[in-house]
């Protein structure tokens, strides 16, 4: 089994070598690394090129800046493996991750494999395991996955290349939180999904990363709302998942928007509330328990 690993790079000169080194030191060796330098203005590209010298399975591509989605989509055109992974260039993986993945995909041959992670913040490592399950259909697997954090993180999955290309999945260029817009749709198209309950991905939280940039919170909210509106019909039209799963996916998107409001500055709250009310976001919240009924009522009153 050959793995294709896409690593987008943008101004991460202090982190990228640790990321690449963790891939190079994998115990499982049948893989290729597609490194896409997305117009870095620091020394990232020079460091990557130096590291990749004489490493034939580390392929470096340089392009003008287009954002994370554009870099990932670019990398997807270069893959030749059986399964596909995304690794962010400021994160790193455990040396046995590919070996563990290979053991599962050779046996189960799923369209999608869900992984587990370690969250690294201020050098403290916290294991965040996925709820374990074995080879399920999309509806049942999604209902299990929705119980866990990081549902939409592209780097927390391994995808069958044939499945990905068949559906021509692409990340939305120019949008933030592109994973939020795409990955749930990928999951609902999968015929089978498995889980690897091994924390082999190390997600590093750094103060100046895209995901923690407070100046972009309004744009993140707008993009969350865009994906919510854009994906409702796609969920309704998907015949691969049942009605209960559709309801919970819509609720997941609605909860994502409502959680983003908490990060906004006070001067943006009024406009955000109007947009949420216009989109009737709170109507899509699941209310199958007393706690969720009260939560939905609270949001309907507030928004």
Foldseek 3Di string as FASTA:
>chain_A
DEEEEEEEDAQPQVAQVQAVVLVVLAPDDRYAYEYEDQQHPDCNVVVLVVVCVPVVRYHYHYDHHFDDQVSVLVSLVVDDGQKYAYAYRNWHWHRHVVVLVVVQCVVQVWQKEFEWAWEAEPNDTDTFWADADAKDALAVVLVRRVVGPPSQPRRRMMGGSVLCVVVVFGFDTPAPPSSLLGVNLSSLSIGIYHYDRDHTIYHYDDCPDPVNDLVCLVRNLVRLLVSLVVCLVVLVPRPRYDPVSSLVSNQVSLVVNVVSLVSDDPVCNVVSLVSCVVVVSLVSHDDPDPVSVVVSVVSVVVD
